[in-house]
Structures are given as structure tokens and as C-alpha cells.
Amino acid sequence: MEQSFELPVTYRGQELLLPGRLVSFTYSYKLYITVEGEEWVFERDDYGEFRVMTEHTSVPHKKIDPDLVSAIIEVLEKLSS
């Protein structure tokens, strides 16, 4: 099952509205959030914390900004509590 959504994230003083989709499986779910044209996959780890599973981008030498990942996870945590 899949559900589309928009995730409001404040990052470096800017309000971002990131498109995403929630995909549920038998006993879990993953969040696919599009950031700068890349789809990042967020899921909960064994301790119940969110983690991003995307390790690379399609643009060579472009790194994922850990501050942006943290901002997204912060919003996901607030929404899930």
C-alpha cells in the first residue's frame, strides 16, 4: 500500500515542502522522500530510530547533507509521536 504526502521541513532558515510517499509492508513501512531530485529512503532501525538508507546520489561528488537528514528525521519523529 502506498500513500503520497508532502513533508514540511525547516532547513537553514528555509521552509521546504518535500514530496514523499509512505510504502507499507506486512509489519513495517518505509518513507521515500524526494530531496533535490533524489529519492531518499527512511526507515526505522532495530532501536526504533529513523535512519536514511540512501548512501549516494546520482550526481558524482555530491554528498548528502547530514544537517538536512537530521532536519527531516526531526520532523518524522515529531509526526510519529
N, C-alpha and C. Protein backbone atom coordinates (compact mmCIF):
# COMPACT_ATOMS: atom_id res chain seq x y z
N MET A 1 0.83 -1.17 0.00
CA MET A 1 0.00 0.00 0.00
C MET A 1 0.88 1.24 0.00
N GLU A 2 0.46 2.26 -0.71
CA GLU A 2 1.28 3.46 -0.85
C GLU A 2 0.42 4.71 -0.67
N GLN A 3 0.98 5.69 0.05
CA GLN A 3 0.28 6.95 0.31
C GLN A 3 1.24 8.11 0.05
N SER A 4 0.84 9.07 -0.76
CA SER A 4 1.67 10.24 -1.05
C SER A 4 1.44 11.32 0.00
N PHE A 5 2.46 12.16 0.23
CA PHE A 5 2.36 13.24 1.20
C PHE A 5 3.41 14.30 0.87
N GLU A 6 3.32 15.44 1.55
CA GLU A 6 4.33 16.48 1.48
C GLU A 6 4.83 16.73 2.89
N LEU A 7 6.13 16.76 3.06
CA LEU A 7 6.74 16.90 4.38
C LEU A 7 7.31 18.31 4.54
N PRO A 8 6.78 19.10 5.48
CA PRO A 8 7.32 20.45 5.71
C PRO A 8 8.57 20.38 6.60
N VAL A 9 9.68 20.88 6.10
CA VAL A 9 10.95 20.83 6.83
C VAL A 9 11.57 22.23 6.83
N THR A 10 12.02 22.67 8.00
CA THR A 10 12.76 23.92 8.09
C THR A 10 14.24 23.57 8.09
N TYR A 11 14.96 24.14 7.11
CA TYR A 11 16.38 23.83 6.94
C TYR A 11 17.12 25.10 6.56
N ARG A 12 18.07 25.48 7.40
CA ARG A 12 18.88 26.69 7.18
C ARG A 12 18.01 27.92 6.94
N GLY A 13 16.95 28.04 7.75
CA GLY A 13 16.07 29.19 7.67
C GLY A 13 15.07 29.16 6.54
N GLN A 14 15.06 28.11 5.75
CA GLN A 14 14.12 27.99 4.64
C GLN A 14 13.06 26.95 4.95
N GLU A 15 11.86 27.21 4.49
CA GLU A 15 10.77 26.25 4.62
C GLU A 15 10.74 25.41 3.35
N LEU A 16 11.01 24.13 3.49
CA LEU A 16 10.97 23.21 2.36
C LEU A 16 9.71 22.37 2.45
N LEU A 17 9.12 22.05 1.33
CA LEU A 17 7.98 21.14 1.27
C LEU A 17 8.40 19.98 0.38
N LEU A 18 8.81 18.89 1.01
CA LEU A 18 9.40 17.77 0.29
C LEU A 18 8.34 16.73 -0.05
N PRO A 19 8.23 16.37 -1.32
CA PRO A 19 7.27 15.32 -1.68
C PRO A 19 7.76 13.96 -1.20
N GLY A 20 6.82 13.15 -0.79
CA GLY A 20 7.20 11.82 -0.32
C GLY A 20 6.09 10.83 -0.51
N ARG A 21 6.41 9.60 -0.18
CA ARG A 21 5.40 8.54 -0.23
C ARG A 21 5.70 7.54 0.88
N LEU A 22 4.65 7.09 1.50
CA LEU A 22 4.73 6.09 2.54
C LEU A 22 4.36 4.76 1.91
N VAL A 23 5.26 3.79 2.03
CA VAL A 23 5.00 2.46 1.49
C VAL A 23 4.99 1.49 2.66
N SER A 24 3.86 0.84 2.87
CA SER A 24 3.76 -0.08 3.99
C SER A 24 3.90 -1.52 3.50
N PHE A 25 4.54 -2.29 4.35
CA PHE A 25 4.77 -3.70 4.09
C PHE A 25 4.02 -4.48 5.17
N THR A 26 4.21 -5.76 5.26
CA THR A 26 3.47 -6.57 6.22
C THR A 26 3.58 -6.04 7.64
N TYR A 27 4.78 -5.85 8.14
CA TYR A 27 4.96 -5.41 9.52
C TYR A 27 5.78 -4.13 9.65
N SER A 28 6.03 -3.46 8.57
CA SER A 28 6.84 -2.24 8.63
C SER A 28 6.45 -1.30 7.50
N TYR A 29 7.17 -0.19 7.43
CA TYR A 29 6.95 0.78 6.37
C TYR A 29 8.26 1.50 6.07
N LYS A 30 8.31 2.10 4.90
CA LYS A 30 9.43 2.94 4.50
C LYS A 30 8.87 4.25 3.97
N LEU A 31 9.63 5.31 4.18
CA LEU A 31 9.26 6.62 3.68
C LEU A 31 10.24 6.99 2.57
N TYR A 32 9.73 7.26 1.40
CA TYR A 32 10.54 7.67 0.26
C TYR A 32 10.33 9.16 0.09
N ILE A 33 11.35 9.95 0.40
CA ILE A 33 11.25 11.41 0.38
C ILE A 33 12.19 11.95 -0.69
N THR A 34 11.65 12.78 -1.57
CA THR A 34 12.43 13.35 -2.67
C THR A 34 13.09 14.64 -2.23
N VAL A 35 14.42 14.66 -2.32
CA VAL A 35 15.23 15.82 -1.93
C VAL A 35 16.14 16.16 -3.10
N GLU A 36 15.97 17.37 -3.63
CA GLU A 36 16.80 17.84 -4.76
C GLU A 36 16.84 16.82 -5.89
N GLY A 37 15.69 16.25 -6.22
CA GLY A 37 15.58 15.31 -7.33
C GLY A 37 16.00 13.88 -7.01
N GLU A 38 16.46 13.65 -5.80
CA GLU A 38 16.88 12.31 -5.37
C GLU A 38 15.86 11.74 -4.39
N GLU A 39 15.59 10.47 -4.48
CA GLU A 39 14.68 9.85 -3.54
C GLU A 39 15.48 9.20 -2.42
N TRP A 40 15.28 9.70 -1.19
CA TRP A 40 15.95 9.15 -0.02
C TRP A 40 14.98 8.24 0.70
N VAL A 41 15.46 7.12 1.17
CA VAL A 41 14.62 6.12 1.83
C VAL A 41 14.87 6.18 3.35
N PHE A 42 13.81 6.45 4.09
CA PHE A 42 13.89 6.49 5.55
C PHE A 42 13.11 5.31 6.11
N GLU A 43 13.69 4.68 7.14
CA GLU A 43 13.01 3.59 7.82
C GLU A 43 13.49 3.57 9.27
N ARG A 44 12.80 2.81 10.08
CA ARG A 44 13.21 2.68 11.48
C ARG A 44 14.21 1.54 11.60
N ASP A 45 15.21 1.75 12.48
CA ASP A 45 16.19 0.70 12.73
C ASP A 45 15.68 -0.22 13.84
N ASP A 46 16.51 -1.14 14.30
CA ASP A 46 16.12 -2.10 15.32
C ASP A 46 15.81 -1.45 16.66
N TYR A 47 16.27 -0.21 16.86
CA TYR A 47 16.02 0.50 18.11
C TYR A 47 14.84 1.47 17.99
N GLY A 48 14.19 1.48 16.84
CA GLY A 48 13.03 2.34 16.64
C GLY A 48 13.36 3.75 16.18
N GLU A 49 14.62 4.02 15.90
CA GLU A 49 15.06 5.34 15.44
C GLU A 49 15.02 5.38 13.91
N PHE A 50 14.72 6.57 13.35
CA PHE A 50 14.75 6.71 11.90
C PHE A 50 16.18 6.75 11.40
N ARG A 51 16.39 6.18 10.25
CA ARG A 51 17.69 6.25 9.56
C ARG A 51 17.41 6.42 8.07
N VAL A 52 18.38 7.00 7.38
CA VAL A 52 18.27 7.15 5.93
C VAL A 52 19.10 6.04 5.31
N MET A 53 18.53 5.39 4.31
CA MET A 53 19.20 4.27 3.68
C MET A 53 19.93 4.65 2.40
N THR A 54 19.77 5.89 1.95
CA THR A 54 20.42 6.35 0.74
C THR A 54 21.86 6.73 1.05
N GLU A 55 22.80 6.13 0.34
CA GLU A 55 24.21 6.40 0.62
C GLU A 55 24.89 7.19 -0.49
N HIS A 56 24.24 7.33 -1.60
CA HIS A 56 24.86 8.02 -2.73
C HIS A 56 23.82 8.82 -3.49
N THR A 57 24.28 9.65 -4.36
CA THR A 57 23.38 10.42 -5.23
C THR A 57 23.75 10.10 -6.68
N SER A 58 22.89 10.51 -7.58
CA SER A 58 23.18 10.26 -9.00
C SER A 58 24.17 11.27 -9.56
N VAL A 59 24.45 12.33 -8.81
CA VAL A 59 25.41 13.35 -9.24
C VAL A 59 26.77 13.02 -8.62
N PRO A 60 27.78 12.79 -9.44
CA PRO A 60 29.10 12.46 -8.90
C PRO A 60 29.62 13.55 -7.96
N HIS A 61 30.27 13.13 -6.89
CA HIS A 61 30.90 14.01 -5.90
C HIS A 61 29.92 14.84 -5.09
N LYS A 62 28.62 14.58 -5.21
CA LYS A 62 27.64 15.29 -4.40
C LYS A 62 27.35 14.43 -3.17
N LYS A 63 27.48 15.04 -2.01
CA LYS A 63 27.25 14.31 -0.77
C LYS A 63 25.92 14.69 -0.16
N ILE A 64 25.36 13.77 0.58
CA ILE A 64 24.12 14.03 1.29
C ILE A 64 24.46 14.88 2.52
N ASP A 65 23.74 15.96 2.71
CA ASP A 65 23.98 16.88 3.82
C ASP A 65 23.42 16.27 5.11
N PRO A 66 24.29 15.95 6.08
CA PRO A 66 23.81 15.34 7.32
C PRO A 66 22.88 16.26 8.12
N ASP A 67 23.04 17.59 7.98
CA ASP A 67 22.14 18.52 8.67
C ASP A 67 20.72 18.44 8.10
N LEU A 68 20.62 18.26 6.80
CA LEU A 68 19.31 18.11 6.17
C LEU A 68 18.68 16.78 6.58
N VAL A 69 19.47 15.73 6.63
CA VAL A 69 18.97 14.43 7.10
C VAL A 69 18.42 14.57 8.51
N SER A 70 19.17 15.25 9.38
CA SER A 70 18.74 15.45 10.76
C SER A 70 17.44 16.25 10.84
N ALA A 71 17.31 17.27 10.00
CA ALA A 71 16.10 18.09 9.98
C ALA A 71 14.89 17.26 9.56
N ILE A 72 15.08 16.40 8.56
CA ILE A 72 13.99 15.53 8.10
C ILE A 72 13.61 14.55 9.19
N ILE A 73 14.60 13.92 9.80
CA ILE A 73 14.33 12.94 10.87
C ILE A 73 13.62 13.60 12.04
N GLU A 74 14.00 14.83 12.36
CA GLU A 74 13.35 15.55 13.46
C GLU A 74 11.86 15.70 13.19
N VAL A 75 11.50 16.06 11.95
CA VAL A 75 10.09 16.21 11.60
C VAL A 75 9.39 14.86 11.63
N LEU A 76 10.03 13.82 11.11
CA LEU A 76 9.43 12.48 11.13
C LEU A 76 9.17 12.01 12.56
N GLU A 77 10.11 12.28 13.46
CA GLU A 77 9.94 11.90 14.86
C GLU A 77 8.75 12.63 15.48
N LYS A 78 8.65 13.94 15.21
CA LYS A 78 7.53 14.72 15.76
C LYS A 78 6.19 14.19 15.24
N LEU A 79 6.14 13.86 13.96
CA LEU A 79 4.90 13.40 13.37
C LEU A 79 4.51 12.00 13.84
N SER A 80 5.48 11.20 14.21
CA SER A 80 5.18 9.83 14.60
C SER A 80 4.91 9.67 16.09
N SER A 81 5.10 10.75 16.85
CA SER A 81 4.87 10.62 18.30
C SER A 81 3.46 11.01 18.69
